[in-house]
Structure formats: structure tokens, C-alpha cells
Protein backbone atom coordinates (compact mmCIF):
# COMPACT_ATOMS: atom_id res chain seq x y z
CA MET A 1 -55.96 -23.20 -14.93
CA SER A 2 -57.51 -22.39 -18.29
CA ILE A 3 -55.96 -23.41 -21.58
CA SER A 4 -56.79 -19.89 -22.75
CA GLU A 5 -53.92 -18.70 -20.56
CA VAL A 6 -51.41 -20.36 -22.86
CA GLU A 7 -53.14 -19.69 -26.16
CA ARG A 8 -52.90 -16.54 -28.22
CA ALA A 9 -55.92 -15.02 -29.93
CA PRO A 10 -55.67 -15.88 -33.64
CA LYS A 11 -55.39 -13.09 -36.19
CA PRO A 12 -56.34 -13.31 -39.86
CA ARG A 13 -53.25 -14.40 -41.80
CA ARG A 14 -52.41 -15.39 -45.33
CA ARG A 15 -52.26 -19.08 -46.08
CA ASP A 16 -48.48 -19.11 -46.47
CA ALA A 17 -48.08 -17.38 -43.08
CA VAL A 18 -50.36 -19.95 -41.47
CA GLU A 19 -48.34 -22.75 -43.05
CA ARG A 20 -45.07 -21.31 -41.73
CA HIS A 21 -46.61 -20.91 -38.29
CA ASP A 22 -47.76 -24.54 -38.32
CA ARG A 23 -44.35 -25.80 -39.51
CA LEU A 24 -42.65 -23.86 -36.73
CA LEU A 25 -44.96 -25.40 -34.12
CA THR A 26 -44.39 -28.90 -35.49
CA ALA A 27 -40.61 -28.44 -35.46
CA ALA A 28 -40.69 -26.86 -31.99
CA ARG A 29 -42.76 -29.68 -30.50
CA SER A 30 -40.31 -32.22 -31.86
CA GLU A 31 -37.20 -30.36 -30.70
CA PHE A 32 -38.49 -29.43 -27.25
CA ALA A 33 -39.74 -32.99 -26.69
CA VAL A 34 -36.29 -34.44 -27.45
CA ARG A 35 -33.92 -31.72 -26.23
CA GLY A 36 -35.90 -29.85 -23.57
CA VAL A 37 -36.76 -26.19 -23.15
CA ASP A 38 -33.23 -25.07 -24.10
CA ALA A 39 -33.48 -26.55 -27.60
CA SER A 40 -31.85 -24.49 -30.33
CA LEU A 41 -34.23 -21.99 -31.90
CA GLU A 42 -31.97 -21.89 -34.96
CA ARG A 43 -32.44 -25.64 -35.39
CA ILE A 44 -36.20 -25.28 -35.00
CA ALA A 45 -36.28 -22.58 -37.68
CA ARG A 46 -34.09 -24.69 -39.98
CA ASP A 47 -36.27 -27.79 -39.47
CA ALA A 48 -39.33 -25.68 -40.28
CA GLY A 49 -37.67 -24.41 -43.45
CA VAL A 50 -37.73 -20.75 -42.44
CA ALA A 51 -35.23 -18.07 -41.41
CA ILE A 52 -34.69 -17.34 -37.72
CA GLY A 53 -36.20 -13.89 -38.28
CA THR A 54 -39.42 -15.54 -39.42
CA LEU A 55 -39.50 -17.57 -36.20
CA TYR A 56 -39.22 -14.39 -34.15
CA ARG A 57 -41.96 -12.69 -36.15
CA HIS A 58 -44.32 -15.51 -35.23
CA PHE A 59 -42.98 -16.06 -31.69
CA PRO A 60 -41.14 -13.00 -30.33
CA THR A 61 -39.63 -14.90 -27.37
CA ARG A 62 -38.56 -18.44 -26.53
CA MET A 63 -41.32 -18.61 -23.93
CA ASP A 64 -43.95 -17.66 -26.52
CA LEU A 65 -42.82 -20.55 -28.68
CA LEU A 66 -42.49 -22.95 -25.75
CA LEU A 67 -45.99 -22.29 -24.43
CA ALA A 68 -47.51 -22.66 -27.89
CA ALA A 69 -45.58 -25.89 -28.47
CA LEU A 70 -46.52 -27.34 -25.07
CA GLU A 71 -50.22 -26.50 -25.38
CA PRO A 72 -51.25 -30.08 -26.34
CA ARG A 73 -49.25 -31.50 -23.41
CA LEU A 74 -50.78 -28.97 -21.04
CA ARG A 75 -54.24 -29.85 -22.31
CA GLU A 76 -53.52 -33.57 -21.87
CA PHE A 77 -52.25 -32.93 -18.34
CA LEU A 78 -55.26 -30.76 -17.43
CA ASP A 79 -57.78 -33.29 -18.72
CA GLY A 80 -56.13 -36.05 -16.68
CA SER A 81 -55.91 -33.79 -13.62
CA GLU A 82 -59.60 -32.97 -13.74
CA ASN A 83 -60.45 -36.67 -13.94
CA ALA A 84 -58.17 -37.47 -11.00
CA MET A 85 -59.55 -34.69 -8.83
CA ALA A 86 -63.10 -35.94 -9.48
CA ILE A 87 -62.36 -39.41 -8.04
CA ASP A 88 -64.32 -39.96 -4.83
CA ASP A 89 -61.66 -41.86 -2.90
CA PRO A 90 -58.98 -39.36 -1.72
CA TRP A 91 -56.10 -41.84 -1.94
CA ASP A 92 -57.09 -43.04 -5.39
CA GLY A 93 -57.44 -39.43 -6.54
CA PHE A 94 -53.98 -38.59 -5.19
CA VAL A 95 -52.42 -41.60 -6.91
CA SER A 96 -54.24 -40.90 -10.18
CA TYR A 97 -53.16 -37.25 -10.14
CA LEU A 98 -49.48 -38.14 -9.70
CA GLU A 99 -49.56 -40.96 -12.24
CA ASN A 100 -51.10 -38.64 -14.82
CA LEU A 101 -48.55 -35.94 -14.03
CA PHE A 102 -45.57 -38.27 -14.40
CA ARG A 103 -46.97 -40.01 -17.46
CA VAL A 104 -47.15 -36.69 -19.32
CA GLN A 105 -43.75 -35.73 -17.91
CA ALA A 106 -42.25 -38.98 -19.24
CA GLY A 107 -43.54 -38.37 -22.75
CA ASP A 108 -41.93 -34.99 -23.36
CA ARG A 109 -38.56 -33.66 -22.18
CA GLY A 110 -39.74 -30.09 -22.73
CA PHE A 111 -42.71 -30.65 -20.44
CA ASN A 112 -40.36 -32.35 -17.98
CA ASP A 113 -38.17 -29.23 -17.92
CA PHE A 114 -41.22 -27.00 -17.68
CA LEU A 115 -42.49 -28.85 -14.61
CA SER A 116 -39.11 -28.75 -12.90
CA ARG A 117 -38.26 -25.07 -13.27
CA ARG A 118 -39.64 -21.61 -12.65
CA PHE A 119 -39.44 -18.81 -15.22
CA PRO A 120 -40.01 -15.63 -13.18
CA GLY A 121 -39.77 -13.37 -16.22
CA SER A 122 -42.86 -14.96 -17.78
CA PRO A 123 -46.23 -14.11 -16.17
CA ASP A 124 -47.96 -16.83 -18.22
CA THR A 125 -45.73 -19.62 -16.92
CA GLU A 126 -45.95 -18.25 -13.38
CA ARG A 127 -49.75 -18.51 -13.50
CA ILE A 128 -49.57 -22.05 -14.84
CA HIS A 129 -47.09 -23.16 -12.19
CA ASP A 130 -49.10 -21.52 -9.42
CA GLN A 131 -52.21 -23.37 -10.59
CA MET A 132 -50.34 -26.69 -10.71
CA CYS A 133 -49.07 -26.12 -7.17
CA ARG A 134 -52.60 -25.39 -5.95
CA GLN A 135 -53.85 -28.58 -7.59
CA ILE A 136 -51.11 -30.65 -5.94
CA GLU A 137 -51.87 -29.09 -2.56
CA ASP A 138 -55.59 -29.76 -3.03
CA VAL A 139 -55.25 -33.47 -3.82
CA LEU A 140 -52.56 -33.88 -1.16
CA THR A 141 -54.54 -32.11 1.59
CA ARG A 142 -57.67 -34.09 0.73
CA ALA A 143 -55.78 -37.37 1.06
CA GLN A 144 -54.17 -36.23 4.31
CA GLU A 145 -57.47 -35.16 5.83
CA ALA A 146 -58.85 -38.61 4.98
CA GLY A 147 -55.97 -40.17 6.90
CA ALA A 148 -54.55 -41.85 3.77
CA VAL A 149 -51.33 -39.82 3.36
CA ARG A 150 -48.92 -39.06 6.17
CA PRO A 151 -49.47 -35.53 7.48
CA ASP A 152 -45.87 -34.34 7.16
CA ILE A 153 -45.76 -34.59 3.34
CA ALA A 154 -45.66 -31.12 1.77
CA LEU A 155 -45.76 -29.57 -1.70
CA ALA A 156 -41.95 -29.44 -1.73
CA ASP A 157 -41.82 -33.22 -1.31
CA ILE A 158 -43.95 -33.67 -4.42
CA VAL A 159 -41.75 -31.27 -6.39
CA ASN A 160 -38.68 -33.19 -5.18
CA LEU A 161 -40.36 -36.29 -6.59
CA ILE A 162 -40.88 -34.47 -9.91
CA TRP A 163 -37.16 -33.62 -10.00
CA SER A 164 -36.01 -37.15 -9.20
CA ASN A 165 -38.51 -38.63 -11.64
CA GLY A 166 -37.20 -36.30 -14.33
CA ARG A 167 -33.68 -37.62 -13.89
CA MET A 168 -34.94 -41.20 -14.03
CA ILE A 169 -36.86 -40.44 -17.22
CA ASP A 170 -33.72 -39.03 -18.83
CA ALA A 171 -31.67 -42.08 -17.80
CA THR A 172 -34.19 -44.73 -18.89
CA ARG A 173 -35.89 -43.04 -21.85
CA THR A 174 -34.59 -45.54 -24.42
CA THR A 175 -33.80 -48.58 -22.26
CA ALA A 176 -36.77 -48.89 -19.88
CA PRO A 177 -39.22 -46.04 -20.54
CA ASN A 178 -41.79 -47.22 -17.98
CA SER A 179 -39.37 -47.51 -15.04
CA TRP A 180 -40.78 -44.30 -13.56
CA ARG A 181 -43.99 -46.16 -12.63
CA ARG A 182 -42.14 -48.57 -10.35
CA GLN A 183 -40.34 -45.73 -8.60
CA LEU A 184 -43.56 -43.77 -8.20
CA TYR A 185 -45.36 -46.67 -6.54
CA LEU A 186 -42.43 -47.41 -4.25
CA THR A 187 -42.57 -43.77 -3.17
CA LEU A 188 -46.33 -43.87 -2.75
CA ASP A 189 -45.95 -46.69 -0.24
CA ALA A 190 -43.65 -44.40 1.75
CA TYR A 191 -46.31 -41.67 1.61
CA ARG A 192 -48.98 -43.82 3.23
CA ALA A 193 -49.96 -42.69 6.71
CA ALA A 194 -49.59 -46.23 8.04
CA ALA A 195 -45.91 -46.27 7.01
CA ALA A 196 -45.00 -42.97 8.66
CA HIS A 197 -41.81 -42.63 10.70
CA PRO A 198 -40.23 -39.38 11.94
CA LEU A 199 -38.22 -37.52 9.31
CA PRO A 200 -34.83 -35.95 10.06
CA GLU A 201 -35.43 -32.75 8.06
CA PRO A 202 -38.43 -30.46 7.56
CA PRO A 203 -39.74 -29.81 4.04
CA MET A 204 -38.56 -26.76 2.15
CA THR A 205 -40.63 -23.65 2.65
CA ASP A 206 -42.54 -22.25 -0.33
CA GLU A 207 -39.88 -19.54 -0.68
CA GLN A 208 -37.04 -22.08 -0.64
CA LEU A 209 -38.85 -24.24 -3.18
CA TYR A 210 -39.47 -21.31 -5.53
CA ASP A 211 -35.83 -20.19 -5.30
CA ALA A 212 -34.62 -23.73 -5.97
CA MET A 213 -36.76 -23.98 -9.11
CA VAL A 214 -35.46 -20.64 -10.37
CA GLU A 215 -31.89 -21.72 -9.59
CA LEU A 216 -32.40 -24.96 -11.49
CA ASN A 217 -33.48 -22.99 -14.54
CA ALA A 218 -30.47 -20.66 -14.25
CA ALA A 219 -28.09 -23.59 -13.83
CA ASP A 220 -29.35 -25.28 -17.00
């Protein structure tokens, strides 16, 4: 996935317009990080010191604003992902990929929501999610082929882990903000091939997983 997919080509603007744009991004990053992707756009405009109409002139839709606001988090995630996928040992690469993913997830509720949901009306977010899913499948398959990860783990199991980790992050954000690391490593022990036992249910299909992520977005 290229960062260019979530960036918009800049156009020449007056200094005051640039300043309003920057204030809107600063306010949006703060609000989305604390309140998630459903943060009030009116509050963001008010915190930026502009009218709601000005917000919409700069960012015609919520998703335009969200993607612009999340760009630093996406860049941080991508840089960490590339480093993890370059690790020679398949198990270490798998662990590093997930730890990077959940570390960025823990630092921003908006990014947490973004990871957990699907937004089928937004082609940009669909491309980003598809690329993330391919990355997860790549690091997972590599570790499985090396015999490090049990063969019955699927993409849906990793997304389930993202969901459960998101709830833990919300619950422990102020009391024990690093608790997610303990839970991740407990789960990783269960993912090891040597610890495998038969599972009572198959993983969700790709179609079921997609529908569940869309439903989660609709429910929230």
C-alpha cells in the first residue's frame, strides 16, 4: 500500500486557507484519537476555530477528513510493517508485524476503529484494508510454511484478535495502557504449531469476515 493512496494532491492556496486546513487536521487528529471515527465534526470545526461549512470546503466527507487525519498513523504502521516483513525468521517477522499493528492501534482510537471496520462506500479505505489483509496473510502464510504457526490459523482469526484487542485497549487506556502486550503474547503462544489442538469451529470465510466488519461499522 502506498501512502499516496491516502494523500490528496496539494493545490496552491492562500496562507490563511492553509492555516485553516492545518488547524482542522490538528483538531481532527486529536478528536479521532480520543473519540474514534465517529467523533463530532462540529466539535472538530469548533476546536479548529472555523465554521462547519469551512470544514466541508476543505474535506467534503467524513472519510476525506479521517484519511487525512490518520495519514501519520498509517505511515507509522506501514514503516513498521515493512521492517517486520523484512525479518529473516518467519516467526519473529510474524510477531513483529502483530506487535507493530497493535502498538499503533493502542495509540489512537480512530486508528483502532479504522482497523476494526469496513467502509464499503469509500474506495480509498477499501484499498487500504485489502492491502492490510494481504500483508497479514503474507506474514501468516510464511510463518505457517516454516512450521512455526499452526496451520489452521486464518486471516479471520487475526481480525478477531484485532477486535478483542480493541476492546482491551478501550478498557485499559488510562489504567494499564500496556496490558495489550500481555494478551498478545498469551495469544501468540496459542498460535504456535507445537501448541496446536483441534478447534471446535472453522474460521470465518472471507465473505463472512467482510460482512462482519461492515456490520460492526453500521452498529456503531
